[in-house]
């Protein structure tokens, strides 16, 4: 259901076309219903149009999944259409922080997604997905949404067929001197049968954002049920 159109003023045609291209190519969006304005991206569906006469863009949101808020979408488009986001957000562009989480699942069972609560801040660039047995897999990518100087914060739940759960909590801080932390915890009656480790790295920060990568290793040998990785800007 439409929530009413939002208008963005003083938008140039090249900027509008660049943002539309970013949505349709870099971020995996698609046009729907044979239209050149109706598009779907990150599960959201809406109409994005440009008015040459008024040099404005308008967005009419048809549907939003539970992981996205209207404010998040409007904030992202505002920054993009006004030219503040000059790079692909997945590469850590202006005021963008990106967290990429990978899992090395050494078990003989697939690790499935069990819960994806709403993000406190941020947007999923790659929505959480499971990791097949005996695999090395990227399970999600999350990013901040604007120049609000707030990094992505949230949690994702995973589970094995034997009842073992894996909860990943992350809090990525923007400001210099603050510490970003990711924790992972296994739960369930058999969690002590697994060893959990977190290995991380992050790109240099030059006042525009950083990309933080964390690899979680789940090994079917008794060991740690908690793992953490953190860094301070």
C-alpha atoms as a PDB file:
ATOM      1  CA  UNK A   1       0.000   0.000   0.000  1.00  0.00           C
ATOM      2  CA  UNK A   2       1.281   3.459  -0.880  1.00  0.00           C
ATOM      3  CA  UNK A   3       2.413   5.626   2.034  1.00  0.00           C
ATOM      4  CA  UNK A   4       2.386   8.870   0.019  1.00  0.00           C
ATOM      5  CA  UNK A   5       4.995  10.265  -2.346  1.00  0.00           C
ATOM      6  CA  UNK A   6       8.161  11.938  -1.056  1.00  0.00           C
ATOM      7  CA  UNK A   7       9.685  14.679  -3.232  1.00  0.00           C
ATOM      8  CA  UNK A   8      13.393  15.502  -3.459  1.00  0.00           C
ATOM      9  CA  UNK A   9      14.113  18.951  -4.930  1.00  0.00           C
ATOM     10  CA  UNK A  10      17.092  20.345  -6.890  1.00  0.00           C
ATOM     11  CA  UNK A  11      18.022  16.995  -8.414  1.00  0.00           C
ATOM     12  CA  UNK A  12      19.821  16.910 -11.755  1.00  0.00           C
ATOM     13  CA  UNK A  13      18.928  14.364 -14.423  1.00  0.00           C
ATOM     14  CA  UNK A  14      22.465  12.831 -14.446  1.00  0.00           C
ATOM     15  CA  UNK A  15      22.346  12.400 -10.654  1.00  0.00           C
ATOM     16  CA  UNK A  16      18.900  10.786 -10.833  1.00  0.00           C
ATOM     17  CA  UNK A  17      20.040   8.384 -13.549  1.00  0.00           C
ATOM     18  CA  UNK A  18      23.195   7.532 -11.587  1.00  0.00           C
ATOM     19  CA  UNK A  19      21.146   6.709  -8.477  1.00  0.00           C
ATOM     20  CA  UNK A  20      18.690   4.625 -10.504  1.00  0.00           C
ATOM     21  CA  UNK A  21      21.597   2.748 -12.085  1.00  0.00           C
ATOM     22  CA  UNK A  22      23.131   2.138  -8.652  1.00  0.00           C
ATOM     23  CA  UNK A  23      19.862   0.662  -7.409  1.00  0.00           C
ATOM     24  CA  UNK A  24      19.404  -1.537 -10.470  1.00  0.00           C
ATOM     25  CA  UNK A  25      22.972  -2.751 -10.915  1.00  0.00           C
ATOM     26  CA  UNK A  26      25.283  -2.224  -7.940  1.00  0.00           C
ATOM     27  CA  UNK A  27      22.617  -3.000  -5.341  1.00  0.00           C
ATOM     28  CA  UNK A  28      20.786  -5.755  -7.215  1.00  0.00           C
ATOM     29  CA  UNK A  29      17.441  -4.018  -7.790  1.00  0.00           C
ATOM     30  CA  UNK A  30      15.048  -4.767 -10.644  1.00  0.00           C
ATOM     31  CA  UNK A  31      12.302  -3.066 -12.618  1.00  0.00           C
ATOM     32  CA  UNK A  32       8.862  -4.658 -12.200  1.00  0.00           C
ATOM     33  CA  UNK A  33       5.539  -4.756 -14.037  1.00  0.00           C
ATOM     34  CA  UNK A  34       7.190  -3.735 -17.321  1.00  0.00           C
ATOM     35  CA  UNK A  35       7.697  -0.191 -16.009  1.00  0.00           C
ATOM     36  CA  UNK A  36      10.743   2.061 -16.175  1.00  0.00           C
ATOM     37  CA  UNK A  37       9.877   3.642 -12.809  1.00  0.00           C
ATOM     38  CA  UNK A  38       8.519   0.760 -10.699  1.00  0.00           C
ATOM     39  CA  UNK A  39      11.419  -0.988  -9.009  1.00  0.00           C
ATOM     40  CA  UNK A  40      12.186  -3.458  -6.256  1.00  0.00           C
ATOM     41  CA  UNK A  41      15.353  -3.417  -4.147  1.00  0.00           C
ATOM     42  CA  UNK A  42      16.206  -5.081  -0.796  1.00  0.00           C
ATOM     43  CA  UNK A  43      12.622  -6.386  -0.811  1.00  0.00           C
ATOM     44  CA  UNK A  44      11.165  -2.850  -0.967  1.00  0.00           C
ATOM     45  CA  UNK A  45       8.861  -1.898  -3.858  1.00  0.00           C
ATOM     46  CA  UNK A  46       8.125   1.603  -5.081  1.00  0.00           C
ATOM     47  CA  UNK A  47       7.998   4.085  -7.939  1.00  0.00           C
ATOM     48  CA  UNK A  48      10.949   6.429  -8.465  1.00  0.00           C
ATOM     49  CA  UNK A  49      10.275   9.209 -10.996  1.00  0.00           C
ATOM     50  CA  UNK A  50      12.011  12.334 -12.309  1.00  0.00           C
ATOM     51  CA  UNK A  51      10.315  15.623 -13.305  1.00  0.00           C
ATOM     52  CA  UNK A  52      12.342  17.647 -15.804  1.00  0.00           C
ATOM     53  CA  UNK A  53      10.205  20.760 -15.368  1.00  0.00           C
ATOM     54  CA  UNK A  54      10.658  21.048 -11.597  1.00  0.00           C
ATOM     55  CA  UNK A  55      14.081  19.312 -11.441  1.00  0.00           C
ATOM     56  CA  UNK A  56      12.775  17.050  -8.712  1.00  0.00           C
ATOM     57  CA  UNK A  57      12.574  13.332  -7.991  1.00  0.00           C
ATOM     58  CA  UNK A  58       9.695  11.599  -6.260  1.00  0.00           C
ATOM     59  CA  UNK A  59       9.397   8.269  -4.481  1.00  0.00           C
ATOM     60  CA  UNK A  60       6.102   6.494  -3.871  1.00  0.00           C
ATOM     61  CA  UNK A  61       6.694   3.516  -1.570  1.00  0.00           C
ATOM     62  CA  UNK A  62       4.362   0.592  -2.294  1.00  0.00           C
ATOM     63  CA  UNK A  63       5.796  -1.955   0.128  1.00  0.00           C
ATOM     64  CA  UNK A  64       8.515  -2.141   2.780  1.00  0.00           C
ATOM     65  CA  UNK A  65       9.810  -5.392   4.347  1.00  0.00           C
ATOM     66  CA  UNK A  66      10.084  -5.495   8.130  1.00  0.00           C
ATOM     67  CA  UNK A  67      13.878  -4.997   8.009  1.00  0.00           C
ATOM     68  CA  UNK A  68      13.496  -1.553   6.411  1.00  0.00           C
ATOM     69  CA  UNK A  69      11.895   1.604   7.751  1.00  0.00           C
ATOM     70  CA  UNK A  70      10.475   4.490   5.727  1.00  0.00           C
ATOM     71  CA  UNK A  71      13.012   6.797   7.399  1.00  0.00           C
ATOM     72  CA  UNK A  72      15.906   4.570   6.309  1.00  0.00           C
ATOM     73  CA  UNK A  73      14.807   4.558   2.670  1.00  0.00           C
ATOM     74  CA  UNK A  74      14.140   8.305   2.580  1.00  0.00           C
ATOM     75  CA  UNK A  75      17.486   9.076   4.255  1.00  0.00           C
ATOM     76  CA  UNK A  76      19.396   6.902   1.777  1.00  0.00           C
ATOM     77  CA  UNK A  77      17.702   8.457  -1.252  1.00  0.00           C
ATOM     78  CA  UNK A  78      18.108  11.987   0.083  1.00  0.00           C
ATOM     79  CA  UNK A  79      21.854  11.549   0.476  1.00  0.00           C
ATOM     80  CA  UNK A  80      22.194   9.829  -2.895  1.00  0.00           C
ATOM     81  CA  UNK A  81      20.051  12.280  -4.877  1.00  0.00           C
ATOM     82  CA  UNK A  82      21.738  15.344  -3.397  1.00  0.00           C
ATOM     83  CA  UNK A  83      25.126  13.992  -4.432  1.00  0.00           C
ATOM     84  CA  UNK A  84      26.458  13.321  -0.931  1.00  0.00           C
ATOM     85  CA  UNK A  85      27.053   9.634  -1.642  1.00  0.00           C
ATOM     86  CA  UNK A  86      29.621   9.655  -4.409  1.00  0.00           C
ATOM     87  CA  UNK A  87      30.656   6.006  -4.156  1.00  0.00           C
ATOM     88  CA  UNK A  88      29.069   2.583  -4.045  1.00  0.00           C
ATOM     89  CA  UNK A  89      28.081   2.207  -0.358  1.00  0.00           C
ATOM     90  CA  UNK A  90      29.344  -1.377  -0.356  1.00  0.00           C
ATOM     91  CA  UNK A  91      32.856  -0.042  -0.868  1.00  0.00           C
ATOM     92  CA  UNK A  92      32.781   2.352   2.083  1.00  0.00           C
ATOM     93  CA  UNK A  93      31.893   5.609   0.346  1.00  0.00           C
ATOM     94  CA  UNK A  94      31.230   8.974   1.943  1.00  0.00           C
ATOM     95  CA  UNK A  95      30.099   8.474   5.556  1.00  0.00           C
ATOM     96  CA  UNK A  96      29.400   4.818   4.856  1.00  0.00           C
ATOM     97  CA  UNK A  97      30.594   2.040   7.131  1.00  0.00           C
ATOM     98  CA  UNK A  98      30.274  -1.522   5.874  1.00  0.00           C
ATOM     99  CA  UNK A  99      30.409  -4.755   7.884  1.00  0.00           C
ATOM    100  CA  UNK A 100      30.863  -8.039   6.023  1.00  0.00           C
ATOM    101  CA  UNK A 101      30.392 -11.288   7.964  1.00  0.00           C
ATOM    102  CA  UNK A 102      31.607 -14.629   6.647  1.00  0.00           C
ATOM    103  CA  UNK A 103      31.278 -18.107   8.130  1.00  0.00           C
ATOM    104  CA  UNK A 104      33.612 -21.069   7.756  1.00  0.00           C
ATOM    105  CA  UNK A 105      31.161 -23.844   8.581  1.00  0.00           C
ATOM    106  CA  UNK A 106      33.306 -26.918   9.214  1.00  0.00           C
ATOM    107  CA  UNK A 107      30.371 -29.018  10.411  1.00  0.00           C
ATOM    108  CA  UNK A 108      28.488 -31.680   8.429  1.00  0.00           C
ATOM    109  CA  UNK A 109      25.211 -29.717   8.708  1.00  0.00           C
ATOM    110  CA  UNK A 110      24.015 -26.558   6.948  1.00  0.00           C
ATOM    111  CA  UNK A 111      23.865 -23.434   9.106  1.00  0.00           C
ATOM    112  CA  UNK A 112      20.458 -21.836   8.495  1.00  0.00           C
ATOM    113  CA  UNK A 113      19.160 -18.344   9.268  1.00  0.00           C
ATOM    114  CA  UNK A 114      16.662 -18.432  12.146  1.00  0.00           C
ATOM    115  CA  UNK A 115      16.050 -14.758  12.937  1.00  0.00           C
ATOM    116  CA  UNK A 116      16.747 -11.317  11.463  1.00  0.00           C
ATOM    117  CA  UNK A 117      15.452  -8.618  13.864  1.00  0.00           C
ATOM    118  CA  UNK A 118      15.003  -5.066  12.621  1.00  0.00           C
ATOM    119  CA  UNK A 119      18.238  -3.095  12.498  1.00  0.00           C
ATOM    120  CA  UNK A 120      18.666  -0.314  15.053  1.00  0.00           C
ATOM    121  CA  UNK A 121      20.655   1.553  12.386  1.00  0.00           C
ATOM    122  CA  UNK A 122      21.744   0.564   8.910  1.00  0.00           C
ATOM    123  CA  UNK A 123      20.576  -1.439   5.920  1.00  0.00           C
ATOM    124  CA  UNK A 124      21.434  -4.877   4.591  1.00  0.00           C
ATOM    125  CA  UNK A 125      23.407  -4.723   1.358  1.00  0.00           C
ATOM    126  CA  UNK A 126      23.282  -8.525   1.217  1.00  0.00           C
ATOM    127  CA  UNK A 127      20.426  -9.944   3.300  1.00  0.00           C
ATOM    128  CA  UNK A 128      21.408 -12.690   5.784  1.00  0.00           C
ATOM    129  CA  UNK A 129      21.753 -16.154   4.242  1.00  0.00           C
ATOM    130  CA  UNK A 130      22.857 -19.523   5.544  1.00  0.00           C
ATOM    131  CA  UNK A 131      26.150 -21.370   5.126  1.00  0.00           C
ATOM    132  CA  UNK A 132      26.161 -24.898   3.641  1.00  0.00           C
ATOM    133  CA  UNK A 133      27.970 -27.688   5.442  1.00  0.00           C
ATOM    134  CA  UNK A 134      31.759 -27.713   5.088  1.00  0.00           C
ATOM    135  CA  UNK A 135      31.800 -24.321   3.367  1.00  0.00           C
ATOM    136  CA  UNK A 136      33.294 -20.837   3.486  1.00  0.00           C
ATOM    137  CA  UNK A 137      30.434 -18.390   2.870  1.00  0.00           C
ATOM    138  CA  UNK A 138      29.584 -14.698   3.139  1.00  0.00           C
ATOM    139  CA  UNK A 139      26.404 -14.684   5.224  1.00  0.00           C
ATOM    140  CA  UNK A 140      25.547 -10.960   5.197  1.00  0.00           C
ATOM    141  CA  UNK A 141      26.739  -7.397   4.493  1.00  0.00           C
ATOM    142  CA  UNK A 142      25.342  -4.419   6.353  1.00  0.00           C
ATOM    143  CA  UNK A 143      25.974  -0.688   5.996  1.00  0.00           C
ATOM    144  CA  UNK A 144      25.189   2.636   7.613  1.00  0.00           C
ATOM    145  CA  UNK A 145      22.555   4.592   5.714  1.00  0.00           C
ATOM    146  CA  UNK A 146      23.596   8.246   5.696  1.00  0.00           C
ATOM    147  CA  UNK A 147      25.963  10.888   6.996  1.00  0.00           C
ATOM    148  CA  UNK A 148      24.380  10.665  10.444  1.00  0.00           C
ATOM    149  CA  UNK A 149      27.631   9.388  11.952  1.00  0.00           C
ATOM    150  CA  UNK A 150      25.938   6.233  13.224  1.00  0.00           C
ATOM    151  CA  UNK A 151      27.262   2.828  12.212  1.00  0.00           C
ATOM    152  CA  UNK A 152      25.142  -0.301  11.675  1.00  0.00           C
ATOM    153  CA  UNK A 153      23.936  -2.098  14.803  1.00  0.00           C
ATOM    154  CA  UNK A 154      21.924  -5.306  15.078  1.00  0.00           C
ATOM    155  CA  UNK A 155      21.916  -9.089  15.385  1.00  0.00           C
ATOM    156  CA  UNK A 156      21.326 -12.190  13.259  1.00  0.00           C
ATOM    157  CA  UNK A 157      20.428 -15.693  14.443  1.00  0.00           C
ATOM    158  CA  UNK A 158      21.541 -18.968  12.835  1.00  0.00           C
ATOM    159  CA  UNK A 159      21.009 -22.614  13.722  1.00  0.00           C
ATOM    160  CA  UNK A 160      22.149 -26.182  13.047  1.00  0.00           C
ATOM    161  CA  UNK A 161      19.850 -29.201  12.736  1.00  0.00           C
ATOM    162  CA  UNK A 162      21.019 -30.604  16.093  1.00  0.00           C
ATOM    163  CA  UNK A 163      19.513 -27.637  17.952  1.00  0.00           C
ATOM    164  CA  UNK A 164      22.699 -25.596  18.262  1.00  0.00           C
ATOM    165  CA  UNK A 165      22.106 -21.883  17.769  1.00  0.00           C
ATOM    166  CA  UNK A 166      24.551 -19.170  16.727  1.00  0.00           C
ATOM    167  CA  UNK A 167      23.757 -15.542  17.553  1.00  0.00           C
ATOM    168  CA  UNK A 168      25.802 -12.752  15.976  1.00  0.00           C
ATOM    169  CA  UNK A 169      25.578  -9.262  17.532  1.00  0.00           C
ATOM    170  CA  UNK A 170      27.315  -6.264  15.967  1.00  0.00           C
ATOM    171  CA  UNK A 171      27.773  -2.594  16.852  1.00  0.00           C
ATOM    172  CA  UNK A 172      29.905  -0.577  14.426  1.00  0.00           C
ATOM    173  CA  UNK A 173      30.911   2.830  15.780  1.00  0.00           C
ATOM    174  CA  UNK A 174      31.589   5.814  13.534  1.00  0.00           C
ATOM    175  CA  UNK A 175      33.527   8.287  15.666  1.00  0.00           C
ATOM    176  CA  UNK A 176      37.286   8.348  16.145  1.00  0.00           C
ATOM    177  CA  UNK A 177      38.318   6.752  19.432  1.00  0.00           C
ATOM    178  CA  UNK A 178      35.234   4.546  19.718  1.00  0.00           C
ATOM    179  CA  UNK A 179      35.340   0.757  19.594  1.00  0.00           C
ATOM    180  CA  UNK A 180      33.316  -1.390  17.196  1.00  0.00           C
ATOM    181  CA  UNK A 181      32.456  -4.867  18.466  1.00  0.00           C
ATOM    182  CA  UNK A 182      31.067  -8.089  17.018  1.00  0.00           C
ATOM    183  CA  UNK A 183      30.235 -11.000  19.298  1.00  0.00           C
ATOM    184  CA  UNK A 184      29.131 -14.525  18.421  1.00  0.00           C
ATOM    185  CA  UNK A 185      27.633 -17.023  20.856  1.00  0.00           C
ATOM    186  CA  UNK A 186      26.553 -20.645  20.459  1.00  0.00           C
ATOM    187  CA  UNK A 187      23.591 -21.963  22.458  1.00  0.00           C
ATOM    188  CA  UNK A 188      21.674 -25.198  22.888  1.00  0.00           C
ATOM    189  CA  UNK A 189      22.263 -28.597  24.519  1.00  0.00           C
ATOM    190  CA  UNK A 190      25.161 -29.467  22.199  1.00  0.00           C
ATOM    191  CA  UNK A 191      26.872 -26.087  21.923  1.00  0.00           C
ATOM    192  CA  UNK A 192      29.896 -27.245  23.941  1.00  0.00           C
ATOM    193  CA  UNK A 193      30.631 -29.765  21.175  1.00  0.00           C
ATOM    194  CA  UNK A 194      31.682 -26.910  18.898  1.00  0.00           C
ATOM    195  CA  UNK A 195      34.575 -24.471  18.882  1.00  0.00           C
ATOM    196  CA  UNK A 196      33.823 -20.894  17.800  1.00  0.00           C
ATOM    197  CA  UNK A 197      36.395 -18.331  16.701  1.00  0.00           C
ATOM    198  CA  UNK A 198      36.237 -14.805  15.227  1.00  0.00           C
ATOM    199  CA  UNK A 199      38.931 -13.408  12.930  1.00  0.00           C
ATOM    200  CA  UNK A 200      38.618  -9.837  11.690  1.00  0.00           C
ATOM    201  CA  UNK A 201      40.211  -7.057   9.681  1.00  0.00           C
ATOM    202  CA  UNK A 202      39.234  -3.547   8.601  1.00  0.00           C
ATOM    203  CA  UNK A 203      40.284  -1.061   5.957  1.00  0.00           C
ATOM    204  CA  UNK A 204      42.026   2.205   6.775  1.00  0.00           C
ATOM    205  CA  UNK A 205      39.712   5.083   7.671  1.00  0.00           C
ATOM    206  CA  UNK A 206      40.281   8.513   6.141  1.00  0.00           C
ATOM    207  CA  UNK A 207      37.213  10.414   7.338  1.00  0.00           C
ATOM    208  CA  UNK A 208      34.853   8.743   4.861  1.00  0.00           C
ATOM    209  CA  UNK A 209      34.122   5.277   6.159  1.00  0.00           C
ATOM    210  CA  UNK A 210      35.632   1.846   6.563  1.00  0.00           C
ATOM    211  CA  UNK A 211      34.940  -1.757   5.607  1.00  0.00           C
ATOM    212  CA  UNK A 212      35.101  -4.271   8.456  1.00  0.00           C
ATOM    213  CA  UNK A 213      35.309  -7.987   7.656  1.00  0.00           C
ATOM    214  CA  UNK A 214      34.792 -10.693  10.272  1.00  0.00           C
ATOM    215  CA  UNK A 215      35.202 -14.434   9.659  1.00  0.00           C
ATOM    216  CA  UNK A 216      33.437 -16.750  12.109  1.00  0.00           C
ATOM    217  CA  UNK A 217      34.867 -20.277  12.246  1.00  0.00           C
ATOM    218  CA  UNK A 218      32.531 -23.010  13.527  1.00  0.00           C
ATOM    219  CA  UNK A 219      34.474 -26.215  14.157  1.00  0.00           C
ATOM    220  CA  UNK A 220      32.869 -29.506  15.333  1.00  0.00           C
ATOM    221  CA  UNK A 221      35.367 -29.999  18.153  1.00  0.00           C
ATOM    222  CA  UNK A 222      34.767 -29.050  21.824  1.00  0.00           C
ATOM    223  CA  UNK A 223      35.964 -25.534  22.566  1.00  0.00           C
ATOM    224  CA  UNK A 224      34.826 -21.927  22.891  1.00  0.00           C
ATOM    225  CA  UNK A 225      31.112 -21.104  22.901  1.00  0.00           C
ATOM    226  CA  UNK A 226      31.799 -17.357  22.632  1.00  0.00           C
ATOM    227  CA  UNK A 227      33.933 -15.340  20.219  1.00  0.00           C
ATOM    228  CA  UNK A 228      34.530 -11.617  19.793  1.00  0.00           C
ATOM    229  CA  UNK A 229      36.312  -9.252  17.458  1.00  0.00           C
ATOM    230  CA  UNK A 230      36.668  -5.505  17.971  1.00  0.00           C
ATOM    231  CA  UNK A 231      38.709  -2.558  16.771  1.00  0.00           C
ATOM    232  CA  UNK A 232      39.097   1.098  17.711  1.00  0.00           C
ATOM    233  CA  UNK A 233      39.330   3.849  15.093  1.00  0.00           C
END
